[in-house]
N, C-alpha and C. Protein backbone atom coordinates (compact mmCIF):
# COMPACT_ATOMS: atom_id res chain seq x y z
N MET A 1 -45.06 -53.32 -58.76
CA MET A 1 -44.70 -54.72 -58.93
C MET A 1 -44.25 -55.07 -57.33
N ASP A 2 -44.89 -56.03 -56.70
CA ASP A 2 -44.40 -56.48 -55.28
C ASP A 2 -43.22 -57.33 -55.32
N ILE A 3 -42.58 -57.46 -54.19
CA ILE A 3 -41.34 -58.18 -54.05
C ILE A 3 -41.58 -59.76 -54.51
N ARG A 4 -42.73 -60.28 -54.03
CA ARG A 4 -42.85 -61.74 -54.31
C ARG A 4 -42.95 -61.85 -55.87
N THR A 5 -43.54 -61.05 -56.63
CA THR A 5 -43.63 -61.22 -58.00
C THR A 5 -42.34 -60.94 -58.65
N THR A 6 -41.66 -60.03 -58.13
CA THR A 6 -40.16 -59.80 -58.65
C THR A 6 -39.26 -60.91 -58.61
N LYS A 7 -39.39 -61.62 -57.29
CA LYS A 7 -38.67 -62.85 -57.04
C LYS A 7 -39.00 -63.95 -58.10
N LEU A 8 -40.49 -64.01 -58.20
CA LEU A 8 -40.79 -65.16 -59.14
C LEU A 8 -40.39 -64.88 -60.57
N GLU A 9 -40.30 -63.70 -60.97
CA GLU A 9 -39.90 -63.29 -62.26
C GLU A 9 -38.36 -63.52 -62.54
N LEU A 10 -37.67 -63.29 -61.43
CA LEU A 10 -36.21 -63.41 -61.41
C LEU A 10 -35.89 -64.91 -61.67
N LEU A 11 -36.64 -65.60 -60.75
CA LEU A 11 -36.37 -67.23 -60.60
C LEU A 11 -36.88 -67.72 -62.07
N LYS A 12 -37.85 -67.33 -62.63
CA LYS A 12 -38.33 -67.68 -63.97
C LYS A 12 -37.03 -67.46 -65.05
N THR A 13 -36.57 -66.20 -65.02
CA THR A 13 -35.58 -65.86 -65.90
C THR A 13 -34.42 -66.74 -65.68
N ILE A 14 -33.87 -67.02 -64.57
CA ILE A 14 -32.66 -67.86 -64.31
C ILE A 14 -33.06 -69.13 -64.72
N LEU A 15 -34.24 -69.80 -64.68
CA LEU A 15 -34.46 -71.12 -64.97
C LEU A 15 -34.53 -71.17 -66.40
N GLU A 16 -34.84 -70.29 -67.10
CA GLU A 16 -35.03 -70.41 -68.61
C GLU A 16 -33.80 -70.04 -69.30
N THR A 17 -32.84 -69.41 -68.72
CA THR A 17 -31.57 -68.95 -69.50
C THR A 17 -30.72 -70.15 -69.61
N GLU A 18 -30.09 -70.16 -70.71
CA GLU A 18 -28.83 -71.26 -70.89
C GLU A 18 -27.59 -70.51 -70.97
N ASN A 19 -27.45 -69.39 -70.57
CA ASN A 19 -26.41 -68.42 -70.58
C ASN A 19 -25.46 -68.76 -69.33
N THR A 20 -24.47 -69.52 -69.41
CA THR A 20 -23.67 -69.93 -68.30
C THR A 20 -23.00 -68.62 -67.60
N ASP A 21 -22.64 -67.79 -68.33
CA ASP A 21 -21.87 -66.59 -67.79
C ASP A 21 -22.88 -65.82 -66.87
N PHE A 22 -24.10 -65.65 -67.43
CA PHE A 22 -25.20 -64.99 -66.75
C PHE A 22 -25.38 -65.73 -65.30
N ILE A 23 -25.60 -67.02 -65.25
CA ILE A 23 -25.84 -67.75 -64.20
C ILE A 23 -24.66 -67.65 -63.13
N LEU A 24 -23.35 -67.61 -63.64
CA LEU A 24 -22.26 -67.53 -62.73
C LEU A 24 -22.07 -66.16 -62.11
N ARG A 25 -22.47 -65.13 -62.94
CA ARG A 25 -22.62 -63.70 -62.32
C ARG A 25 -23.56 -63.62 -61.28
N ILE A 26 -24.79 -64.11 -61.44
CA ILE A 26 -25.89 -63.97 -60.52
C ILE A 26 -25.30 -64.84 -59.42
N ALA A 27 -24.83 -66.11 -59.46
CA ALA A 27 -24.43 -66.85 -58.26
C ALA A 27 -23.26 -66.03 -57.49
N ASP A 28 -22.45 -65.37 -58.06
CA ASP A 28 -21.33 -64.70 -57.42
C ASP A 28 -21.94 -63.48 -56.77
N PHE A 29 -22.86 -62.76 -57.47
CA PHE A 29 -23.55 -61.66 -56.82
C PHE A 29 -24.21 -62.08 -55.58
N VAL A 30 -24.89 -63.24 -55.64
CA VAL A 30 -25.70 -63.65 -54.40
C VAL A 30 -24.82 -64.03 -53.31
N LYS A 31 -23.61 -64.69 -53.57
CA LYS A 31 -22.74 -64.92 -52.57
C LYS A 31 -21.96 -63.74 -51.85
N LYS A 32 -21.69 -62.75 -52.68
CA LYS A 32 -21.23 -61.57 -52.04
C LYS A 32 -22.34 -60.75 -51.21
N GLU A 33 -23.46 -60.93 -51.55
CA GLU A 33 -24.58 -60.29 -50.81
C GLU A 33 -24.95 -60.90 -49.48
N LYS A 34 -24.67 -62.05 -49.27
CA LYS A 34 -24.87 -62.72 -48.07
C LYS A 34 -24.23 -62.18 -46.87
N VAL A 35 -25.02 -61.77 -45.87
CA VAL A 35 -24.12 -61.08 -44.58
C VAL A 35 -23.68 -62.38 -43.73
N ASP A 36 -22.48 -62.12 -43.34
CA ASP A 36 -21.72 -63.06 -42.31
C ASP A 36 -22.13 -62.46 -41.03
N PHE A 37 -22.51 -63.39 -40.15
CA PHE A 37 -23.01 -62.95 -38.72
C PHE A 37 -21.95 -62.31 -37.95
N TRP A 38 -20.47 -62.72 -38.34
CA TRP A 38 -19.43 -62.22 -37.64
C TRP A 38 -19.27 -60.73 -37.96
N ASP A 39 -19.52 -60.29 -39.07
CA ASP A 39 -19.43 -58.81 -39.48
C ASP A 39 -20.71 -58.01 -38.68
N GLU A 40 -21.65 -58.64 -38.28
CA GLU A 40 -22.73 -57.98 -37.70
C GLU A 40 -22.41 -57.94 -36.11
N MET A 41 -21.39 -58.55 -35.54
CA MET A 41 -21.20 -58.52 -34.20
C MET A 41 -20.21 -57.26 -33.84
N SER A 42 -20.37 -56.66 -32.67
CA SER A 42 -19.45 -55.72 -32.18
C SER A 42 -17.95 -56.18 -32.15
N LEU A 43 -17.11 -55.36 -32.11
CA LEU A 43 -15.67 -55.76 -31.91
C LEU A 43 -15.43 -56.50 -30.60
N SER A 44 -16.33 -56.07 -29.50
CA SER A 44 -16.16 -56.58 -28.16
C SER A 44 -16.66 -57.96 -28.31
N GLU A 45 -17.69 -58.21 -28.96
CA GLU A 45 -18.25 -59.54 -29.11
C GLU A 45 -17.32 -60.46 -29.88
N GLN A 46 -16.72 -60.00 -30.92
CA GLN A 46 -15.77 -60.76 -31.73
C GLN A 46 -14.63 -61.10 -30.84
N SER A 47 -14.12 -60.17 -29.97
CA SER A 47 -12.91 -60.31 -29.09
C SER A 47 -13.14 -61.36 -28.05
N GLU A 48 -14.36 -61.23 -27.45
CA GLU A 48 -14.61 -62.46 -26.35
C GLU A 48 -14.80 -63.77 -27.12
N ILE A 49 -15.34 -63.93 -28.37
CA ILE A 49 -15.35 -65.28 -28.90
C ILE A 49 -14.01 -65.70 -29.33
N LYS A 50 -13.08 -64.77 -29.97
CA LYS A 50 -11.77 -65.18 -30.08
C LYS A 50 -10.86 -65.62 -28.87
N GLN A 51 -11.05 -64.95 -27.70
CA GLN A 51 -10.60 -65.22 -26.45
C GLN A 51 -11.12 -66.60 -25.91
N GLY A 52 -12.23 -66.89 -26.20
CA GLY A 52 -12.90 -68.22 -25.81
C GLY A 52 -12.33 -69.40 -26.60
N ILE A 53 -12.08 -69.11 -27.90
CA ILE A 53 -11.51 -70.13 -28.80
C ILE A 53 -10.13 -70.36 -28.32
N GLU A 54 -9.34 -69.40 -28.01
CA GLU A 54 -7.85 -69.37 -27.62
C GLU A 54 -7.81 -70.19 -26.37
N GLU A 55 -8.80 -69.97 -25.47
CA GLU A 55 -8.74 -70.79 -24.11
C GLU A 55 -9.03 -72.24 -24.46
N LEU A 56 -10.13 -72.49 -25.28
CA LEU A 56 -10.29 -73.92 -25.56
C LEU A 56 -9.12 -74.50 -26.25
N ASP A 57 -8.42 -73.87 -27.01
CA ASP A 57 -7.34 -74.51 -27.77
C ASP A 57 -6.17 -74.84 -26.71
N LYS A 58 -5.93 -73.96 -25.73
CA LYS A 58 -5.08 -74.10 -24.78
C LYS A 58 -5.49 -75.26 -23.68
N GLY A 59 -6.73 -75.90 -23.99
CA GLY A 59 -7.28 -76.77 -23.03
C GLY A 59 -7.93 -76.43 -21.85
N LYS A 60 -8.17 -75.08 -21.65
CA LYS A 60 -8.87 -74.45 -20.62
C LYS A 60 -10.37 -74.74 -20.97
N ARG A 61 -11.00 -75.81 -20.29
CA ARG A 61 -12.29 -76.26 -20.38
C ARG A 61 -13.08 -76.31 -19.11
N VAL A 62 -14.41 -76.01 -19.21
CA VAL A 62 -15.13 -76.35 -18.06
C VAL A 62 -16.19 -77.26 -18.60
N SER A 63 -16.74 -78.23 -17.60
CA SER A 63 -17.75 -79.11 -18.12
C SER A 63 -18.98 -78.29 -18.02
N PHE A 64 -19.95 -78.96 -18.67
CA PHE A 64 -21.29 -78.38 -18.71
C PHE A 64 -21.86 -78.42 -17.33
N GLU A 65 -21.71 -79.55 -16.51
CA GLU A 65 -22.29 -79.65 -15.36
C GLU A 65 -21.74 -78.57 -14.28
N SER A 66 -20.32 -78.45 -14.46
CA SER A 66 -19.69 -77.39 -13.63
C SER A 66 -20.22 -75.99 -13.98
N PHE A 67 -20.37 -75.84 -15.24
CA PHE A 67 -20.88 -74.49 -15.71
C PHE A 67 -22.27 -74.23 -15.12
N LEU A 68 -23.20 -75.27 -15.05
CA LEU A 68 -24.60 -75.18 -14.51
C LEU A 68 -24.51 -74.95 -13.09
N LYS A 69 -23.51 -75.56 -12.35
CA LYS A 69 -23.65 -75.47 -11.01
C LYS A 69 -23.05 -73.91 -10.56
N LYS A 70 -22.23 -73.27 -11.48
CA LYS A 70 -21.84 -71.99 -11.17
C LYS A 70 -22.65 -70.92 -11.37
N ILE A 71 -23.67 -71.24 -12.36
CA ILE A 71 -24.74 -70.18 -12.71
C ILE A 71 -25.95 -70.35 -11.87
N SER A 72 -26.04 -71.32 -11.19
CA SER A 72 -27.35 -71.73 -10.51
C SER A 72 -27.27 -71.28 -9.06
């Protein structure tokens, strides 16, 4: 059985059931399986983003125009 057929059969089963507990367990499982992009980043990337947020929170900002001048 290919993955498309499996997905369709799973969807059909979910749509046809009236078992609330089953639906809630499936929903919970799907939520847990979603990958958070943050967890996919290296610690270095996470650190850089955190540092940038801290700088923004402290009011350290650069206008977009100023940024473009620096990189061109």
